[in-house]
C-alpha atoms as a PDB file:
ATOM      1  CA  MET A   1      88.514  92.940 144.283  1.00  0.00           C
ATOM      2  CA  ALA A   2      86.899  95.486 141.916  1.00  0.00           C
ATOM      3  CA  ASN A   3      83.173  95.301 141.272  1.00  0.00           C
ATOM      4  CA  GLN A   4      82.284  93.729 137.935  1.00  0.00           C
ATOM      5  CA  LYS A   5      80.799  96.246 135.529  1.00  0.00           C
ATOM      6  CA  ILE A   6      77.295  95.734 134.143  1.00  0.00           C
ATOM      7  CA  PRO A   7      77.475  95.296 130.335  1.00  0.00           C
ATOM      8  CA  VAL A   8      75.023  97.398 128.318  1.00  0.00           C
ATOM      9  CA  LEU A   9      74.266  97.833 124.632  1.00  0.00           C
ATOM     10  CA  ILE A  10      73.334 101.384 123.564  1.00  0.00           C
ATOM     11  CA  ILE A  11      70.684 101.655 120.842  1.00  0.00           C
ATOM     12  CA  GLY A  12      71.389 104.852 118.919  1.00  0.00           C
ATOM     13  CA  THR A  13      74.443 106.813 117.790  1.00  0.00           C
ATOM     14  CA  GLY A  14      73.508 110.481 118.175  1.00  0.00           C
ATOM     15  CA  ASP A  15      74.342 112.987 120.911  1.00  0.00           C
ATOM     16  CA  LEU A  16      72.054 111.202 123.382  1.00  0.00           C
ATOM     17  CA  ALA A  17      73.998 107.981 122.821  1.00  0.00           C
ATOM     18  CA  ARG A  18      77.167 109.916 123.618  1.00  0.00           C
ATOM     19  CA  LEU A  19      75.589 111.123 126.864  1.00  0.00           C
ATOM     20  CA  ALA A  20      74.688 107.513 127.711  1.00  0.00           C
ATOM     21  CA  LEU A  21      78.297 106.546 127.024  1.00  0.00           C
ATOM     22  CA  ASP A  22      79.584 109.358 129.256  1.00  0.00           C
ATOM     23  CA  ILE A  23      77.333 108.115 132.061  1.00  0.00           C
ATOM     24  CA  ALA A  24      78.508 104.532 131.534  1.00  0.00           C
ATOM     25  CA  ASN A  25      82.127 105.645 131.793  1.00  0.00           C
ATOM     26  CA  GLU A  26      81.394 107.318 135.135  1.00  0.00           C
ATOM     27  CA  LYS A  27      79.498 104.386 136.640  1.00  0.00           C
ATOM     28  CA  GLU A  28      79.821 100.624 137.098  1.00  0.00           C
ATOM     29  CA  VAL A  29      78.532 100.102 133.562  1.00  0.00           C
ATOM     30  CA  LEU A  30      80.436  98.787 130.543  1.00  0.00           C
ATOM     31  CA  ALA A  31      79.110 100.072 127.227  1.00  0.00           C
ATOM     32  CA  TYR A  32      80.351  97.376 124.857  1.00  0.00           C
ATOM     33  CA  GLY A  33      78.799  98.659 121.639  1.00  0.00           C
ATOM     34  CA  PHE A  34      76.165 100.652 119.774  1.00  0.00           C
ATOM     35  CA  LEU A  35      73.324  99.482 117.546  1.00  0.00           C
ATOM     36  CA  THR A  36      72.518 101.833 114.676  1.00  0.00           C
ATOM     37  CA  GLN A  37      69.668 102.434 112.242  1.00  0.00           C
ATOM     38  CA  ASP A  38      72.157 103.683 109.617  1.00  0.00           C
ATOM     39  CA  GLU A  39      73.865 100.915 107.637  1.00  0.00           C
ATOM     40  CA  GLU A  40      76.813 103.184 106.807  1.00  0.00           C
ATOM     41  CA  GLU A  41      77.737 103.517 110.503  1.00  0.00           C
ATOM     42  CA  VAL A  42      78.228  99.782 111.082  1.00  0.00           C
ATOM     43  CA  ARG A  43      81.795  98.845 112.156  1.00  0.00           C
ATOM     44  CA  LYS A  44      82.746 102.473 112.709  1.00  0.00           C
ATOM     45  CA  GLU A  45      83.842 103.744 116.119  1.00  0.00           C
ATOM     46  CA  LEU A  46      81.984 106.313 118.190  1.00  0.00           C
ATOM     47  CA  ASN A  47      84.130 107.719 120.996  1.00  0.00           C
ATOM     48  CA  ASP A  48      86.319 104.583 120.847  1.00  0.00           C
ATOM     49  CA  ILE A  49      83.330 102.223 121.108  1.00  0.00           C
ATOM     50  CA  LEU A  50      82.346 100.120 118.089  1.00  0.00           C
ATOM     51  CA  VAL A  51      79.035 100.442 116.267  1.00  0.00           C
ATOM     52  CA  VAL A  52      78.547  96.694 116.259  1.00  0.00           C
ATOM     53  CA  ALA A  53      75.532  96.137 114.025  1.00  0.00           C
ATOM     54  CA  HIS A  54      72.491  97.502 112.238  1.00  0.00           C
ATOM     55  CA  LEU A  55      69.386  97.305 114.398  1.00  0.00           C
ATOM     56  CA  THR A  56      67.352  95.231 111.947  1.00  0.00           C
ATOM     57  CA  GLY A  57      70.245  93.331 110.351  1.00  0.00           C
ATOM     58  CA  LYS A  58      71.206  89.729 111.031  1.00  0.00           C
ATOM     59  CA  ASP A  59      73.907  90.608 113.588  1.00  0.00           C
ATOM     60  CA  GLY A  60      71.688  93.133 115.337  1.00  0.00           C
ATOM     61  CA  GLN A  61      68.819  90.673 115.594  1.00  0.00           C
ATOM     62  CA  ALA A  62      71.173  88.026 116.973  1.00  0.00           C
ATOM     63  CA  LEU A  63      72.371  90.420 119.670  1.00  0.00           C
ATOM     64  CA  LEU A  64      68.844  91.434 120.623  1.00  0.00           C
ATOM     65  CA  GLY A  65      67.903  87.768 120.847  1.00  0.00           C
ATOM     66  CA  GLU A  66      70.218  87.282 123.815  1.00  0.00           C
ATOM     67  CA  GLU A  67      68.096  86.719 126.906  1.00  0.00           C
ATOM     68  CA  ASN A  68      68.194  89.450 129.572  1.00  0.00           C
ATOM     69  CA  LEU A  69      70.432  91.712 127.487  1.00  0.00           C
ATOM     70  CA  ASN A  70      70.937  95.097 129.188  1.00  0.00           C
ATOM     71  CA  VAL A  71      70.062  97.933 126.812  1.00  0.00           C
ATOM     72  CA  VAL A  72      69.402 101.665 126.807  1.00  0.00           C
ATOM     73  CA  VAL A  73      67.396 103.346 124.039  1.00  0.00           C
ATOM     74  CA  ALA A  74      69.234 106.590 123.295  1.00  0.00           C
ATOM     75  CA  GLU A  75      66.891 108.223 120.767  1.00  0.00           C
ATOM     76  CA  ARG A  76      66.140 111.927 121.151  1.00  0.00           C
ATOM     77  CA  ASP A  77      63.088 112.106 118.865  1.00  0.00           C
ATOM     78  CA  ILE A  78      60.085 111.115 120.984  1.00  0.00           C
ATOM     79  CA  GLU A  79      58.079 109.424 118.229  1.00  0.00           C
ATOM     80  CA  GLN A  80      61.091 107.461 117.027  1.00  0.00           C
ATOM     81  CA  ARG A  81      61.822 106.474 120.628  1.00  0.00           C
ATOM     82  CA  LYS A  82      58.269 105.131 120.999  1.00  0.00           C
ATOM     83  CA  THR A  83      58.567 103.241 117.708  1.00  0.00           C
ATOM     84  CA  LEU A  84      61.893 101.703 118.726  1.00  0.00           C
ATOM     85  CA  VAL A  85      60.581 100.536 122.088  1.00  0.00           C
ATOM     86  CA  LYS A  86      57.454  99.088 120.483  1.00  0.00           C
ATOM     87  CA  GLY A  87      59.565  97.241 117.904  1.00  0.00           C
ATOM     88  CA  LEU A  88      61.728  95.747 120.653  1.00  0.00           C
ATOM     89  CA  SER A  89      58.796  94.485 122.703  1.00  0.00           C
ATOM     90  CA  GLY A  90      59.174  90.916 121.452  1.00  0.00           C
ATOM     91  CA  TYR A  91      62.671  90.544 122.919  1.00  0.00           C
ATOM     92  CA  LYS A  92      63.585  89.653 126.495  1.00  0.00           C
ATOM     93  CA  LEU A  93      65.539  92.841 127.169  1.00  0.00           C
ATOM     94  CA  GLN A  94      66.445  94.549 130.431  1.00  0.00           C
ATOM     95  CA  TYR A  95      66.000  98.307 130.064  1.00  0.00           C
ATOM     96  CA  ILE A  96      68.327  99.953 132.549  1.00  0.00           C
ATOM     97  CA  ASN A  97      68.327 103.509 133.848  1.00  0.00           C
ATOM     98  CA  MET A  98      71.404 105.546 132.938  1.00  0.00           C
ATOM     99  CA  VAL A  99      71.744 108.065 135.769  1.00  0.00           C
ATOM    100  CA  HIS A 100      74.770 110.355 135.859  1.00  0.00           C
ATOM    101  CA  PRO A 101      76.660 110.148 139.181  1.00  0.00           C
ATOM    102  CA  ASP A 102      76.280 113.929 139.573  1.00  0.00           C
ATOM    103  CA  ALA A 103      72.483 113.590 139.574  1.00  0.00           C
ATOM    104  CA  TRP A 104      70.634 113.223 142.877  1.00  0.00           C
ATOM    105  CA  ILE A 105      67.538 111.055 143.171  1.00  0.00           C
ATOM    106  CA  SER A 106      65.760 111.130 146.529  1.00  0.00           C
ATOM    107  CA  PRO A 107      65.433 107.676 148.110  1.00  0.00           C
ATOM    108  CA  TYR A 108      61.733 108.548 148.400  1.00  0.00           C
ATOM    109  CA  ALA A 109      61.358 109.223 144.664  1.00  0.00           C
ATOM    110  CA  SER A 110      60.663 106.486 142.094  1.00  0.00           C
ATOM    111  CA  LEU A 111      62.278 105.973 138.711  1.00  0.00           C
ATOM    112  CA  ASP A 112      60.906 103.353 136.346  1.00  0.00           C
ATOM    113  CA  MET A 113      63.016 101.763 133.586  1.00  0.00           C
ATOM    114  CA  GLY A 114      64.869 102.987 130.511  1.00  0.00           C
ATOM    115  CA  ASN A 115      65.452 106.585 131.588  1.00  0.00           C
ATOM    116  CA  ILE A 116      68.506 108.702 130.763  1.00  0.00           C
ATOM    117  CA  VAL A 117      69.285 111.243 133.495  1.00  0.00           C
ATOM    118  CA  GLY A 118      72.033 113.815 132.969  1.00  0.00           C
ATOM    119  CA  PRO A 119      74.413 115.552 135.382  1.00  0.00           C
ATOM    120  CA  GLY A 120      73.097 117.996 137.964  1.00  0.00           C
ATOM    121  CA  VAL A 121      69.534 116.662 137.885  1.00  0.00           C
ATOM    122  CA  ASN A 122      67.661 116.735 141.206  1.00  0.00           C
ATOM    123  CA  VAL A 123      64.595 114.576 141.802  1.00  0.00           C
ATOM    124  CA  LEU A 124      62.988 115.308 145.163  1.00  0.00           C
ATOM    125  CA  ALA A 125      60.925 113.164 147.526  1.00  0.00           C
ATOM    126  CA  ASN A 126      57.771 111.476 146.220  1.00  0.00           C
ATOM    127  CA  ALA A 127      58.401 112.474 142.621  1.00  0.00           C
ATOM    128  CA  GLU A 128      57.476 109.673 140.214  1.00  0.00           C
ATOM    129  CA  VAL A 129      59.226 109.234 136.868  1.00  0.00           C
ATOM    130  CA  GLY A 130      57.892 106.772 134.301  1.00  0.00           C
ATOM    131  CA  LYS A 131      59.647 104.913 131.469  1.00  0.00           C
ATOM    132  CA  PHE A 132      61.981 105.947 128.643  1.00  0.00           C
ATOM    133  CA  ASN A 133      62.327 109.599 129.583  1.00  0.00           C
ATOM    134  CA  VAL A 134      65.235 111.896 128.746  1.00  0.00           C
ATOM    135  CA  ILE A 135      66.020 114.256 131.638  1.00  0.00           C
ATOM    136  CA  GLU A 136      68.912 116.521 130.752  1.00  0.00           C
ATOM    137  CA  THR A 137      71.492 118.570 132.643  1.00  0.00           C
ATOM    138  CA  GLY A 138      70.339 120.577 135.659  1.00  0.00           C
ATOM    139  CA  VAL A 139      66.642 119.650 135.601  1.00  0.00           C
ATOM    140  CA  LEU A 140      64.815 120.023 138.928  1.00  0.00           C
ATOM    141  CA  LEU A 141      61.788 117.874 139.739  1.00  0.00           C
ATOM    142  CA  GLU A 142      60.271 119.031 143.010  1.00  0.00           C
ATOM    143  CA  SER A 143      58.313 116.883 145.463  1.00  0.00           C
ATOM    144  CA  ASP A 144      55.194 115.034 144.266  1.00  0.00           C
ATOM    145  CA  VAL A 145      55.890 115.690 140.565  1.00  0.00           C
ATOM    146  CA  LEU A 146      54.567 113.090 138.115  1.00  0.00           C
ATOM    147  CA  ILE A 147      56.456 112.428 134.879  1.00  0.00           C
ATOM    148  CA  GLY A 148      54.858 110.069 132.358  1.00  0.00           C
ATOM    149  CA  ASP A 149      56.584 107.951 129.697  1.00  0.00           C
ATOM    150  CA  HIS A 150      58.651 109.058 126.686  1.00  0.00           C
ATOM    151  CA  THR A 151      58.987 112.693 127.742  1.00  0.00           C
ATOM    152  CA  THR A 152      61.964 114.962 127.106  1.00  0.00           C
ATOM    153  CA  LEU A 153      62.964 117.579 129.666  1.00  0.00           C
ATOM    154  CA  HIS A 154      65.747 119.758 128.289  1.00  0.00           C
ATOM    155  CA  ALA A 155      68.560 121.338 130.284  1.00  0.00           C
ATOM    156  CA  GLY A 156      67.616 123.658 133.128  1.00  0.00           C
ATOM    157  CA  VAL A 157      63.901 122.816 133.227  1.00  0.00           C
ATOM    158  CA  LYS A 158      62.231 123.283 136.618  1.00  0.00           C
ATOM    159  CA  VAL A 159      59.009 121.442 137.459  1.00  0.00           C
ATOM    160  CA  GLY A 160      57.200 122.708 140.546  1.00  0.00           C
ATOM    161  CA  ARG A 161      55.718 120.635 143.326  1.00  0.00           C
ATOM    162  CA  GLY A 162      52.725 118.544 142.351  1.00  0.00           C
ATOM    163  CA  ALA A 163      52.955 119.324 138.628  1.00  0.00           C
ATOM    164  CA  GLU A 164      52.420 116.591 136.027  1.00  0.00           C
ATOM    165  CA  ILE A 165      54.161 116.121 132.686  1.00  0.00           C
ATOM    166  CA  ALA A 166      52.120 113.622 130.662  1.00  0.00           C
ATOM    167  CA  ASP A 167      53.300 110.993 128.172  1.00  0.00           C
ATOM    168  CA  GLY A 168      55.248 112.245 125.162  1.00  0.00           C
ATOM    169  CA  ALA A 169      55.484 115.874 126.297  1.00  0.00           C
ATOM    170  CA  PHE A 170      58.502 117.939 125.262  1.00  0.00           C
ATOM    171  CA  VAL A 171      59.709 120.689 127.610  1.00  0.00           C
ATOM    172  CA  SER A 172      62.374 122.940 126.120  1.00  0.00           C
ATOM    173  CA  MET A 173      65.494 124.361 127.720  1.00  0.00           C
ATOM    174  CA  GLY A 174      65.058 126.593 130.762  1.00  0.00           C
ATOM    175  CA  ALA A 175      61.265 126.321 130.962  1.00  0.00           C
ATOM    176  CA  ILE A 176      59.584 126.627 134.362  1.00  0.00           C
ATOM    177  CA  ILE A 177      56.448 124.637 135.135  1.00  0.00           C
ATOM    178  CA  HIS A 178      54.683 126.099 138.172  1.00  0.00           C
ATOM    179  CA  PRO A 179      53.347 123.904 140.998  1.00  0.00           C
ATOM    180  CA  ASN A 180      50.258 121.759 140.320  1.00  0.00           C
ATOM    181  CA  VAL A 181      50.229 122.574 136.594  1.00  0.00           C
ATOM    182  CA  TYR A 182      49.357 119.832 134.093  1.00  0.00           C
ATOM    183  CA  VAL A 183      51.306 119.599 130.822  1.00  0.00           C
ATOM    184  CA  GLY A 184      49.328 117.303 128.556  1.00  0.00           C
ATOM    185  CA  GLU A 185      50.201 114.358 126.358  1.00  0.00           C
ATOM    186  CA  ALA A 186      52.405 115.295 123.376  1.00  0.00           C
ATOM    187  CA  ALA A 187      52.327 118.956 124.462  1.00  0.00           C
ATOM    188  CA  VAL A 188      55.300 121.219 123.710  1.00  0.00           C
ATOM    189  CA  VAL A 189      56.642 123.890 126.060  1.00  0.00           C
ATOM    190  CA  GLY A 190      58.956 126.399 124.399  1.00  0.00           C
ATOM    191  CA  PRO A 191      62.394 127.509 125.629  1.00  0.00           C
ATOM    192  CA  GLY A 192      62.313 129.730 128.704  1.00  0.00           C
ATOM    193  CA  ALA A 193      58.535 129.551 128.987  1.00  0.00           C
ATOM    194  CA  VAL A 194      56.989 130.161 132.397  1.00  0.00           C
ATOM    195  CA  VAL A 195      53.890 127.984 132.566  1.00  0.00           C
ATOM    196  CA  LEU A 196      51.325 129.162 135.113  1.00  0.00           C
ATOM    197  CA  SER A 197      48.278 127.177 133.964  1.00  0.00           C
ATOM    198  CA  ASP A 198      47.469 123.815 132.400  1.00  0.00           C
ATOM    199  CA  VAL A 199      48.614 122.980 128.882  1.00  0.00           C
ATOM    200  CA  PRO A 200      46.088 120.689 127.137  1.00  0.00           C
ATOM    201  CA  ASP A 201      47.058 117.506 125.307  1.00  0.00           C
ATOM    202  CA  GLY A 202      48.822 118.307 122.032  1.00  0.00           C
ATOM    203  CA  ALA A 203      48.995 122.063 122.725  1.00  0.00           C
ATOM    204  CA  THR A 204      52.014 124.380 122.622  1.00  0.00           C
ATOM    205  CA  ALA A 205      53.017 126.928 125.277  1.00  0.00           C
ATOM    206  CA  HIS A 206      55.473 129.781 124.681  1.00  0.00           C
ATOM    207  CA  GLY A 207      56.529 132.940 126.491  1.00  0.00           C
ATOM    208  CA  ASN A 208      56.625 134.468 129.984  1.00  0.00           C
ATOM    209  CA  PRO A 209      53.963 134.098 131.149  1.00  0.00           C
ATOM    210  CA  ALA A 210      53.270 131.277 128.720  1.00  0.00           C
ATOM    211  CA  VAL A 211      50.543 131.653 126.124  1.00  0.00           C
ATOM    212  CA  VAL A 212      48.872 128.354 125.215  1.00  0.00           C
ATOM    213  CA  ILE A 213      48.041 127.588 121.589  1.00  0.00           C
ATOM    214  CA  GLU A 214      45.765 124.594 121.321  1.00  0.00           C
ATOM    215  CA  SER A 215      46.099 122.139 118.441  1.00  0.00           C
ATOM    216  CA  ASP A 216      43.385 122.037 115.794  1.00  0.00           C
END
């Protein structure tokens, strides 16, 4: 007898929602619809799956009111992701992790809820990943790494042992964070940057080696 698939509702319709759908199709997860923030998308199909309702409309609110509904928030923009999660806090939702089957998570690592993890990701022993993060293709998190909440780690990012990526940080494609480096809250690391020293909260780091520009 085949295992019953876990039903999940995907909140969002952009490229990250498509990644979540790809993961669902590869795992024991049934994506039965999308919720959108664009009224014009309602009742359209996205990769053969129906956009069932507007997030704040009557039908959307009725869906969200179902107790223990499995959902994934597939919003790329960090601030919009935070706003969505905050707005959903009054519902009894189950935020599931969407982890691609080609990703490898050490049994000694921890992954909180609501994360989207793409193919080829490796999370090594004693790494800790918080909530609502987007970890894209080929990212490497070495041992003892700490990842906060609502971060985005683009494809090919490497985070060295003992480094910390704080809440809301954005690390661009191919960046390398050296061991024991701190990347602060809402900081931005540019594409291909090689970060050798701490990046303060709200600062930006670009280049190889990375030059840090602090926010005003």
